[in-house]
Amino acid sequence: MAGERLQAGCLREISGVCTDPRYRGRGLARRLVTRLIVRQLARGQTPFLHVRCDNFAAQFYERLGFRRHSEPVVRVVTRLRE
């Protein structure tokens, strides 16, 4: 699956990109993300996404032409287990 989420001016976020582990390596995510990129560019939008820098699998996005823009600090907050 893959979708669009945030929009700020001409920027449009691609988000929620996931592939069931049983179907990885078949180019499914590449085809979905490429389709979103083409649609966004046709609408005059600039695709962007958020990826954690420790997400090794996210090198996939660089192969699709995305480049690192910045590395903001992100705080992950979880609920304490009782």
PDB file of N, CA and C in Angstrom:
ATOM      1  N   MET A   1       0.835  -1.176   0.000  1.00  0.00           N
ATOM      2  CA  MET A   1       0.000   0.000   0.000  1.00  0.00           C
ATOM      3  C   MET A   1       0.879   1.237   0.000  1.00  0.00           C
ATOM      4  N   ALA A   2       0.327   2.329  -0.454  1.00  0.00           N
ATOM      5  CA  ALA A   2       1.005   3.626  -0.441  1.00  0.00           C
ATOM      6  C   ALA A   2      -0.070   4.692  -0.582  1.00  0.00           C
ATOM      7  N   GLY A   3       0.148   5.826   0.043  1.00  0.00           N
ATOM      8  CA  GLY A   3      -0.851   6.876  -0.034  1.00  0.00           C
ATOM      9  C   GLY A   3      -0.246   8.256   0.071  1.00  0.00           C
ATOM     10  N   GLU A   4      -1.126   9.238   0.114  1.00  0.00           N
ATOM     11  CA  GLU A   4      -0.722  10.630   0.258  1.00  0.00           C
ATOM     12  C   GLU A   4      -1.306  11.147   1.567  1.00  0.00           C
ATOM     13  N   ARG A   5      -0.575  12.054   2.187  1.00  0.00           N
ATOM     14  CA  ARG A   5      -1.051  12.569   3.467  1.00  0.00           C
ATOM     15  C   ARG A   5      -0.948  14.087   3.481  1.00  0.00           C
ATOM     16  N   LEU A   6       0.092  14.628   4.056  1.00  0.00           N
ATOM     17  CA  LEU A   6       0.214  16.069   4.236  1.00  0.00           C
ATOM     18  C   LEU A   6       0.397  16.811   2.918  1.00  0.00           C
ATOM     19  N   GLN A   7      -0.120  18.038   2.892  1.00  0.00           N
ATOM     20  CA  GLN A   7       0.127  18.922   1.759  1.00  0.00           C
ATOM     21  C   GLN A   7       0.417  20.303   2.314  1.00  0.00           C
ATOM     22  N   ALA A   8       1.477  20.927   1.816  1.00  0.00           N
ATOM     23  CA  ALA A   8       1.851  22.284   2.211  1.00  0.00           C
ATOM     24  C   ALA A   8       2.268  23.019   0.944  1.00  0.00           C
ATOM     25  N   GLY A   9       1.391  23.867   0.456  1.00  0.00           N
ATOM     26  CA  GLY A   9       1.679  24.542  -0.806  1.00  0.00           C
ATOM     27  C   GLY A   9       1.774  23.511  -1.917  1.00  0.00           C
ATOM     28  N   CYS A  10       2.885  23.542  -2.635  1.00  0.00           N
ATOM     29  CA  CYS A  10       3.063  22.586  -3.735  1.00  0.00           C
ATOM     30  C   CYS A  10       3.676  21.264  -3.271  1.00  0.00           C
ATOM     31  N   LEU A  11       4.024  21.168  -1.989  1.00  0.00           N
ATOM     32  CA  LEU A  11       4.611  19.934  -1.467  1.00  0.00           C
ATOM     33  C   LEU A  11       3.511  18.943  -1.095  1.00  0.00           C
ATOM     34  N   ARG A  12       3.683  17.681  -1.473  1.00  0.00           N
ATOM     35  CA  ARG A  12       2.706  16.644  -1.128  1.00  0.00           C
ATOM     36  C   ARG A  12       3.444  15.410  -0.633  1.00  0.00           C
ATOM     37  N   GLU A  13       3.059  14.941   0.547  1.00  0.00           N
ATOM     38  CA  GLU A  13       3.749  13.819   1.175  1.00  0.00           C
ATOM     39  C   GLU A  13       3.249  12.474   0.660  1.00  0.00           C
ATOM     40  N   ILE A  14       4.196  11.593   0.396  1.00  0.00           N
ATOM     41  CA  ILE A  14       3.899  10.187   0.131  1.00  0.00           C
ATOM     42  C   ILE A  14       4.101   9.468   1.458  1.00  0.00           C
ATOM     43  N   SER A  15       3.113   8.664   1.856  1.00  0.00           N
ATOM     44  CA  SER A  15       3.220   8.030   3.173  1.00  0.00           C
ATOM     45  C   SER A  15       2.574   6.654   3.172  1.00  0.00           C
ATOM     46  N   GLY A  16       2.796   5.942   4.252  1.00  0.00           N
ATOM     47  CA  GLY A  16       2.160   4.646   4.444  1.00  0.00           C
ATOM     48  C   GLY A  16       2.601   3.590   3.449  1.00  0.00           C
ATOM     49  N   VAL A  17       3.846   3.675   2.997  1.00  0.00           N
ATOM     50  CA  VAL A  17       4.330   2.699   2.018  1.00  0.00           C
ATOM     51  C   VAL A  17       4.714   1.423   2.756  1.00  0.00           C
ATOM     52  N   CYS A  18       4.014   0.343   2.478  1.00  0.00           N
ATOM     53  CA  CYS A  18       4.297  -0.947   3.103  1.00  0.00           C
ATOM     54  C   CYS A  18       3.998  -2.079   2.131  1.00  0.00           C
ATOM     55  N   THR A  19       4.749  -3.142   2.295  1.00  0.00           N
ATOM     56  CA  THR A  19       4.518  -4.360   1.510  1.00  0.00           C
ATOM     57  C   THR A  19       4.506  -5.540   2.477  1.00  0.00           C
ATOM     58  N   ASP A  20       3.542  -6.387   2.328  1.00  0.00           N
ATOM     59  CA  ASP A  20       3.484  -7.613   3.115  1.00  0.00           C
ATOM     60  C   ASP A  20       4.799  -8.362   2.895  1.00  0.00           C
ATOM     61  N   PRO A  21       5.466  -8.785   3.966  1.00  0.00           N
ATOM     62  CA  PRO A  21       6.760  -9.466   3.817  1.00  0.00           C
ATOM     63  C   PRO A  21       6.736 -10.637   2.821  1.00  0.00           C
ATOM     64  N   ARG A  22       5.601 -11.294   2.677  1.00  0.00           N
ATOM     65  CA  ARG A  22       5.512 -12.428   1.745  1.00  0.00           C
ATOM     66  C   ARG A  22       5.597 -12.003   0.288  1.00  0.00           C
ATOM     67  N   TYR A  23       5.408 -10.699   0.014  1.00  0.00           N
ATOM     68  CA  TYR A  23       5.374 -10.224  -1.374  1.00  0.00           C
ATOM     69  C   TYR A  23       6.484  -9.231  -1.693  1.00  0.00           C
ATOM     70  N   ARG A  24       7.449  -9.089  -0.802  1.00  0.00           N
ATOM     71  CA  ARG A  24       8.559  -8.155  -1.042  1.00  0.00           C
ATOM     72  C   ARG A  24       9.459  -8.660  -2.155  1.00  0.00           C
ATOM     73  N   GLY A  25      10.149  -7.721  -2.799  1.00  0.00           N
ATOM     74  CA  GLY A  25      11.093  -8.084  -3.851  1.00  0.00           C
ATOM     75  C   GLY A  25      10.454  -8.260  -5.214  1.00  0.00           C
ATOM     76  N   ARG A  26       9.186  -7.902  -5.342  1.00  0.00           N
ATOM     77  CA  ARG A  26       8.482  -8.050  -6.615  1.00  0.00           C
ATOM     78  C   ARG A  26       8.243  -6.716  -7.323  1.00  0.00           C
ATOM     79  N   GLY A  27       8.739  -5.629  -6.715  1.00  0.00           N
ATOM     80  CA  GLY A  27       8.572  -4.320  -7.342  1.00  0.00           C
ATOM     81  C   GLY A  27       7.226  -3.659  -7.076  1.00  0.00           C
ATOM     82  N   LEU A  28       6.459  -4.190  -6.145  1.00  0.00           N
ATOM     83  CA  LEU A  28       5.129  -3.637  -5.879  1.00  0.00           C
ATOM     84  C   LEU A  28       5.203  -2.222  -5.298  1.00  0.00           C
ATOM     85  N   ALA A  29       6.028  -2.017  -4.281  1.00  0.00           N
ATOM     86  CA  ALA A  29       6.157  -0.688  -3.681  1.00  0.00           C
ATOM     87  C   ALA A  29       6.706   0.308  -4.705  1.00  0.00           C
ATOM     88  N   ARG A  30       7.669  -0.119  -5.493  1.00  0.00           N
ATOM     89  CA  ARG A  30       8.227   0.767  -6.521  1.00  0.00           C
ATOM     90  C   ARG A  30       7.141   1.222  -7.484  1.00  0.00           C
ATOM     91  N   ARG A  31       6.298   0.301  -7.912  1.00  0.00           N
ATOM     92  CA  ARG A  31       5.237   0.664  -8.857  1.00  0.00           C
ATOM     93  C   ARG A  31       4.221   1.611  -8.225  1.00  0.00           C
ATOM     94  N   LEU A  32       3.852   1.357  -6.976  1.00  0.00           N
ATOM     95  CA  LEU A  32       2.897   2.233  -6.306  1.00  0.00           C
ATOM     96  C   LEU A  32       3.466   3.634  -6.090  1.00  0.00           C
ATOM     97  N   VAL A  33       4.686   3.711  -5.584  1.00  0.00           N
ATOM     98  CA  VAL A  33       5.293   5.018  -5.319  1.00  0.00           C
ATOM     99  C   VAL A  33       5.517   5.768  -6.632  1.00  0.00           C
ATOM    100  N   THR A  34       5.958   5.074  -7.660  1.00  0.00           N
ATOM    101  CA  THR A  34       6.158   5.720  -8.960  1.00  0.00           C
ATOM    102  C   THR A  34       4.839   6.287  -9.480  1.00  0.00           C
ATOM    103  N   ARG A  35       3.759   5.548  -9.316  1.00  0.00           N
ATOM    104  CA  ARG A  35       2.434   6.034  -9.755  1.00  0.00           C
ATOM    105  C   ARG A  35       2.050   7.304  -8.993  1.00  0.00           C
ATOM    106  N   LEU A  36       2.303   7.340  -7.682  1.00  0.00           N
ATOM    107  CA  LEU A  36       2.004   8.538  -6.899  1.00  0.00           C
ATOM    108  C   LEU A  36       2.863   9.716  -7.344  1.00  0.00           C
ATOM    109  N   ILE A  37       4.146   9.466  -7.589  1.00  0.00           N
ATOM    110  CA  ILE A  37       5.038  10.537  -8.041  1.00  0.00           C
ATOM    111  C   ILE A  37       4.530  11.123  -9.347  1.00  0.00           C
ATOM    112  N   VAL A  38       4.183  10.277 -10.305  1.00  0.00           N
ATOM    113  CA  VAL A  38       3.701  10.743 -11.611  1.00  0.00           C
ATOM    114  C   VAL A  38       2.438  11.585 -11.441  1.00  0.00           C
ATOM    115  N   ARG A  39       1.504  11.121 -10.613  1.00  0.00           N
ATOM    116  CA  ARG A  39       0.270  11.886 -10.378  1.00  0.00           C
ATOM    117  C   ARG A  39       0.552  13.236  -9.740  1.00  0.00           C
ATOM    118  N   GLN A  40       1.436  13.242  -8.743  1.00  0.00           N
ATOM    119  CA  GLN A  40       1.754  14.503  -8.067  1.00  0.00           C
ATOM    120  C   GLN A  40       2.420  15.486  -9.018  1.00  0.00           C
ATOM    121  N   LEU A  41       3.371  15.014  -9.793  1.00  0.00           N
ATOM    122  CA  LEU A  41       4.038  15.901 -10.742  1.00  0.00           C
ATOM    123  C   LEU A  41       3.052  16.442 -11.772  1.00  0.00           C
ATOM    124  N   ALA A  42       2.104  15.628 -12.221  1.00  0.00           N
ATOM    125  CA  ALA A  42       1.088  16.077 -13.181  1.00  0.00           C
ATOM    126  C   ALA A  42       0.196  17.158 -12.576  1.00  0.00           C
ATOM    127  N   ARG A  43       0.022  17.143 -11.261  1.00  0.00           N
ATOM    128  CA  ARG A  43      -0.770  18.165 -10.565  1.00  0.00           C
ATOM    129  C   ARG A  43       0.075  19.379 -10.187  1.00  0.00           C
ATOM    130  N   GLY A  44       1.352  19.371 -10.580  1.00  0.00           N
ATOM    131  CA  GLY A  44       2.242  20.489 -10.242  1.00  0.00           C
ATOM    132  C   GLY A  44       2.746  20.438  -8.818  1.00  0.00           C
ATOM    133  N   GLN A  45       2.693  19.268  -8.197  1.00  0.00           N
ATOM    134  CA  GLN A  45       3.147  19.115  -6.820  1.00  0.00           C
ATOM    135  C   GLN A  45       4.554  18.526  -6.777  1.00  0.00           C
ATOM    136  N   THR A  46       5.208  18.748  -5.658  1.00  0.00           N
ATOM    137  CA  THR A  46       6.542  18.195  -5.430  1.00  0.00           C
ATOM    138  C   THR A  46       6.434  17.097  -4.375  1.00  0.00           C
ATOM    139  N   PRO A  47       6.714  15.842  -4.748  1.00  0.00           N
ATOM    140  CA  PRO A  47       6.627  14.747  -3.780  1.00  0.00           C
ATOM    141  C   PRO A  47       7.723  14.837  -2.715  1.00  0.00           C
ATOM    142  N   PHE A  48       7.360  14.504  -1.476  1.00  0.00           N
ATOM    143  CA  PHE A  48       8.354  14.382  -0.408  1.00  0.00           C
ATOM    144  C   PHE A  48       7.878  13.287   0.533  1.00  0.00           C
ATOM    145  N   LEU A  49       8.763  12.845   1.405  1.00  0.00           N
ATOM    146  CA  LEU A  49       8.393  11.849   2.400  1.00  0.00           C
ATOM    147  C   LEU A  49       9.297  11.962   3.604  1.00  0.00           C
ATOM    148  N   HIS A  50       8.860  11.340   4.681  1.00  0.00           N
ATOM    149  CA  HIS A  50       9.640  11.284   5.919  1.00  0.00           C
ATOM    150  C   HIS A  50      10.134   9.854   6.089  1.00  0.00           C
ATOM    151  N   VAL A  51      11.417   9.708   6.336  1.00  0.00           N
ATOM    152  CA  VAL A  51      12.004   8.384   6.534  1.00  0.00           C
ATOM    153  C   VAL A  51      13.006   8.481   7.682  1.00  0.00           C
ATOM    154  N   ARG A  52      12.939   7.552   8.602  1.00  0.00           N
ATOM    155  CA  ARG A  52      13.929   7.538   9.687  1.00  0.00           C
ATOM    156  C   ARG A  52      15.297   7.167   9.113  1.00  0.00           C
ATOM    157  N   CYS A  53      16.341   7.833   9.575  1.00  0.00           N
ATOM    158  CA  CYS A  53      17.675   7.579   9.032  1.00  0.00           C
ATOM    159  C   CYS A  53      18.206   6.200   9.414  1.00  0.00           C
ATOM    160  N   ASP A  54      17.623   5.551  10.417  1.00  0.00           N
ATOM    161  CA  ASP A  54      18.067   4.202  10.766  1.00  0.00           C
ATOM    162  C   ASP A  54      17.245   3.122  10.046  1.00  0.00           C
ATOM    163  N   ASN A  55      16.415   3.532   9.109  1.00  0.00           N
ATOM    164  CA  ASN A  55      15.609   2.595   8.325  1.00  0.00           C
ATOM    165  C   ASN A  55      16.408   2.187   7.094  1.00  0.00           C
ATOM    166  N   PHE A  56      17.164   1.102   7.233  1.00  0.00           N
ATOM    167  CA  PHE A  56      18.045   0.656   6.153  1.00  0.00           C
ATOM    168  C   PHE A  56      17.278   0.383   4.862  1.00  0.00           C
ATOM    169  N   ALA A  57      16.083  -0.171   4.978  1.00  0.00           N
ATOM    170  CA  ALA A  57      15.291  -0.496   3.783  1.00  0.00           C
ATOM    171  C   ALA A  57      14.874   0.749   3.016  1.00  0.00           C
ATOM    172  N   ALA A  58      14.933   1.911   3.642  1.00  0.00           N
ATOM    173  CA  ALA A  58      14.494   3.141   2.988  1.00  0.00           C
ATOM    174  C   ALA A  58      15.467   3.637   1.923  1.00  0.00           C
ATOM    175  N   GLN A  59      16.592   2.965   1.731  1.00  0.00           N
ATOM    176  CA  GLN A  59      17.477   3.304   0.615  1.00  0.00           C
ATOM    177  C   GLN A  59      16.717   3.153  -0.700  1.00  0.00           C
ATOM    178  N   PHE A  60      15.643   2.402  -0.652  1.00  0.00           N
ATOM    179  CA  PHE A  60      14.725   2.236  -1.771  1.00  0.00           C
ATOM    180  C   PHE A  60      14.311   3.594  -2.347  1.00  0.00           C
ATOM    181  N   TYR A  61      14.033   4.569  -1.473  1.00  0.00           N
ATOM    182  CA  TYR A  61      13.575   5.884  -1.932  1.00  0.00           C
ATOM    183  C   TYR A  61      14.668   6.632  -2.682  1.00  0.00           C
ATOM    184  N   GLU A  62      15.899   6.483  -2.255  1.00  0.00           N
ATOM    185  CA  GLU A  62      16.997   7.130  -2.966  1.00  0.00           C
ATOM    186  C   GLU A  62      17.135   6.556  -4.369  1.00  0.00           C
ATOM    187  N   ARG A  63      16.866   5.273  -4.537  1.00  0.00           N
ATOM    188  CA  ARG A  63      16.911   4.674  -5.873  1.00  0.00           C
ATOM    189  C   ARG A  63      15.788   5.213  -6.763  1.00  0.00           C
ATOM    190  N   LEU A  64      14.722   5.729  -6.136  1.00  0.00           N
ATOM    191  CA  LEU A  64      13.630   6.336  -6.905  1.00  0.00           C
ATOM    192  C   LEU A  64      13.867   7.822  -7.179  1.00  0.00           C
ATOM    193  N   GLY A  65      15.006   8.348  -6.727  1.00  0.00           N
ATOM    194  CA  GLY A  65      15.342   9.738  -7.011  1.00  0.00           C
ATOM    195  C   GLY A  65      15.181  10.703  -5.857  1.00  0.00           C
ATOM    196  N   PHE A  66      14.682  10.240  -4.711  1.00  0.00           N
ATOM    197  CA  PHE A  66      14.568  11.120  -3.556  1.00  0.00           C
ATOM    198  C   PHE A  66      15.954  11.373  -2.977  1.00  0.00           C
ATOM    199  N   ARG A  67      16.147  12.559  -2.449  1.00  0.00           N
ATOM    200  CA  ARG A  67      17.414  12.928  -1.831  1.00  0.00           C
ATOM    201  C   ARG A  67      17.159  13.437  -0.422  1.00  0.00           C
ATOM    202  N   ARG A  68      18.141  13.256   0.444  1.00  0.00           N
ATOM    203  CA  ARG A  68      18.017  13.760   1.816  1.00  0.00           C
ATOM    204  C   ARG A  68      17.994  15.284   1.787  1.00  0.00           C
ATOM    205  N   HIS A  69      17.044  15.825   2.506  1.00  0.00           N
ATOM    206  CA  HIS A  69      16.926  17.279   2.593  1.00  0.00           C
ATOM    207  C   HIS A  69      17.388  17.764   3.961  1.00  0.00           C
ATOM    208  N   SER A  70      16.886  17.136   4.988  1.00  0.00           N
ATOM    209  CA  SER A  70      17.296  17.476   6.347  1.00  0.00           C
ATOM    210  C   SER A  70      17.038  16.290   7.255  1.00  0.00           C
ATOM    211  N   GLU A  71      17.649  16.331   8.409  1.00  0.00           N
ATOM    212  CA  GLU A  71      17.453  15.281   9.396  1.00  0.00           C
ATOM    213  C   GLU A  71      16.996  15.926  10.699  1.00  0.00           C
ATOM    214  N   PRO A  72      15.700  16.181  10.810  1.00  0.00           N
ATOM    215  CA  PRO A  72      15.197  16.801  12.040  1.00  0.00           C
ATOM    216  C   PRO A  72      15.243  15.825  13.207  1.00  0.00           C
ATOM    217  N   VAL A  73      15.227  16.364  14.393  1.00  0.00           N
ATOM    218  CA  VAL A  73      15.183  15.533  15.596  1.00  0.00           C
ATOM    219  C   VAL A  73      13.744  15.080  15.785  1.00  0.00           C
ATOM    220  N   VAL A  74      13.581  13.794  15.988  1.00  0.00           N
ATOM    221  CA  VAL A  74      12.255  13.230  16.208  1.00  0.00           C
ATOM    222  C   VAL A  74      12.255  12.537  17.557  1.00  0.00           C
ATOM    223  N   ARG A  75      11.273  12.810  18.346  1.00  0.00           N
ATOM    224  CA  ARG A  75      11.162  12.160  19.648  1.00  0.00           C
ATOM    225  C   ARG A  75      10.047  11.123  19.563  1.00  0.00           C
ATOM    226  N   VAL A  76      10.379   9.889  19.854  1.00  0.00           N
ATOM    227  CA  VAL A  76       9.389   8.816  19.865  1.00  0.00           C
ATOM    228  C   VAL A  76       8.910   8.630  21.288  1.00  0.00           C
ATOM    229  N   VAL A  77       7.614   8.766  21.471  1.00  0.00           N
ATOM    230  CA  VAL A  77       7.017   8.665  22.805  1.00  0.00           C
ATOM    231  C   VAL A  77       6.126   7.429  22.826  1.00  0.00           C
ATOM    232  N   THR A  78       6.363   6.580  23.818  1.00  0.00           N
ATOM    233  CA  THR A  78       5.536   5.378  23.963  1.00  0.00           C
ATOM    234  C   THR A  78       4.930   5.347  25.361  1.00  0.00           C
ATOM    235  N   ARG A  79       3.894   4.606  25.495  1.00  0.00           N
ATOM    236  CA  ARG A  79       3.241   4.456  26.788  1.00  0.00           C
ATOM    237  C   ARG A  79       3.994   3.423  27.618  1.00  0.00           C
ATOM    238  N   LEU A  80       4.176   3.722  28.887  1.00  0.00           N
ATOM    239  CA  LEU A  80       4.827   2.787  29.804  1.00  0.00           C
ATOM    240  C   LEU A  80       3.927   1.575  30.021  1.00  0.00           C
ATOM    241  N   ARG A  81       4.534   0.420  30.052  1.00  0.00           N
ATOM    242  CA  ARG A  81       3.766  -0.801  30.356  1.00  0.00           C
ATOM    243  C   ARG A  81       3.570  -0.909  31.857  1.00  0.00           C
ATOM    244  N   GLU A  82       2.422  -1.350  32.248  1.00  0.00           N
ATOM    245  CA  GLU A  82       2.131  -1.472  33.687  1.00  0.00           C
ATOM    246  C   GLU A  82       2.517  -2.813  34.225  1.00  0.00           C
TER     247      GLU A  82
END
